[in-house]
Amino acid sequence: MVEVRYFAAIADAVGKSSEHLDLPAEATVADLRRTLADTYGPALDPLLKVCAYLIGDELTRDDSAALAPRVDVLPPFAGG
């Protein structure tokens, strides 16, 4: 089970700020993206591709990065 927290535009796109997903222990960012696109529709995939994923203390966009029990999905932020 992975707790996925969503922020800004991605939270708006999925309609929630967090959820728990039943993913295997060896799941990766690619698996998470695929699950989210399957759940919320393929139109979400372009946004997921530009998101960064905070896994533990590491921010990554690497599809092969292993997930942790909690993952934050962060879209690009604008502003200064």
Protein backbone atom coordinates (compact mmCIF):
# COMPACT_ATOMS: atom_id res chain seq x y z
CA MET A 1 0.00 0.00 0.00
CA VAL A 2 1.35 3.42 -1.02
CA GLU A 3 0.03 6.75 0.22
CA VAL A 4 0.03 9.14 -2.73
CA ARG A 5 -0.32 12.85 -2.01
CA TYR A 6 -1.21 15.28 -4.80
CA PHE A 7 -0.47 19.00 -4.99
CA ALA A 8 -1.66 21.97 -7.09
CA ALA A 9 -2.76 21.11 -10.66
CA ILE A 10 -2.46 17.35 -10.21
CA ALA A 11 -4.72 17.49 -7.11
CA ASP A 12 -7.25 19.41 -9.20
CA ALA A 13 -6.97 16.88 -12.03
CA VAL A 14 -7.63 13.84 -9.81
CA GLY A 15 -10.10 15.65 -7.56
CA LYS A 16 -8.41 14.85 -4.25
CA SER A 17 -5.34 15.65 -2.20
CA SER A 18 -4.35 12.08 -1.34
CA GLU A 19 -5.26 8.43 -1.60
CA HIS A 20 -3.88 4.99 -0.82
CA LEU A 21 -3.08 2.71 -3.74
CA ASP A 22 -2.49 -1.01 -3.61
CA LEU A 23 0.80 -1.30 -5.49
CA PRO A 24 3.36 -4.10 -5.21
CA ALA A 25 6.40 -3.61 -2.98
CA GLU A 26 8.70 -3.33 -6.00
CA ALA A 27 6.57 -0.70 -7.77
CA THR A 28 8.30 2.21 -9.52
CA VAL A 29 7.34 5.72 -10.62
CA ALA A 30 6.42 4.22 -14.02
CA ASP A 31 4.02 1.80 -12.30
CA LEU A 32 2.46 4.67 -10.36
CA ARG A 33 2.05 6.77 -13.52
CA ARG A 34 0.48 3.83 -15.36
CA THR A 35 -1.93 3.16 -12.47
CA LEU A 36 -2.97 6.80 -12.28
CA ALA A 37 -3.48 7.06 -16.06
CA ASP A 38 -5.55 3.85 -15.98
CA THR A 39 -7.62 5.16 -13.07
CA TYR A 40 -8.12 8.78 -14.13
CA GLY A 41 -7.82 8.48 -17.90
CA PRO A 42 -5.01 8.80 -20.44
CA ALA A 43 -5.47 12.59 -20.60
CA LEU A 44 -3.72 12.72 -17.19
CA ASP A 45 -0.51 11.17 -18.55
CA PRO A 46 0.95 14.38 -20.08
CA LEU A 47 0.66 16.10 -16.69
CA LEU A 48 2.16 13.09 -14.90
CA LYS A 49 5.15 13.16 -17.28
CA VAL A 50 6.12 16.68 -16.18
CA CYS A 51 5.53 16.05 -12.48
CA ALA A 52 8.30 15.44 -10.01
CA TYR A 53 7.92 12.69 -7.42
CA LEU A 54 9.10 13.15 -3.85
CA ILE A 55 10.06 9.72 -2.56
CA GLY A 56 11.41 9.88 0.96
CA ASP A 57 13.82 12.84 0.85
CA GLU A 58 14.59 12.51 -2.87
CA LEU A 59 12.90 14.45 -5.65
CA THR A 60 12.96 12.51 -8.91
CA ARG A 61 11.49 12.26 -12.38
CA ASP A 62 13.15 8.87 -12.99
CA ASP A 63 10.55 6.31 -14.08
CA SER A 64 12.67 3.49 -12.65
CA ALA A 65 12.82 4.98 -9.12
CA ALA A 66 11.35 2.64 -6.52
CA LEU A 67 8.40 3.93 -4.55
CA ALA A 68 8.34 4.40 -0.77
CA PRO A 69 5.31 4.03 1.52
CA ARG A 70 4.51 7.69 0.76
CA VAL A 71 4.98 9.52 -2.54
CA ASP A 72 4.21 13.17 -3.23
CA VAL A 73 3.26 14.06 -6.80
CA LEU A 74 4.37 17.61 -7.58
CA PRO A 75 3.50 19.38 -10.83
CA PRO A 76 5.68 22.20 -12.10
CA PHE A 77 5.09 25.33 -10.02
CA ALA A 78 5.11 28.84 -11.46
CA GLY A 79 5.87 32.01 -9.63
CA GLY A 80 8.74 33.51 -7.75
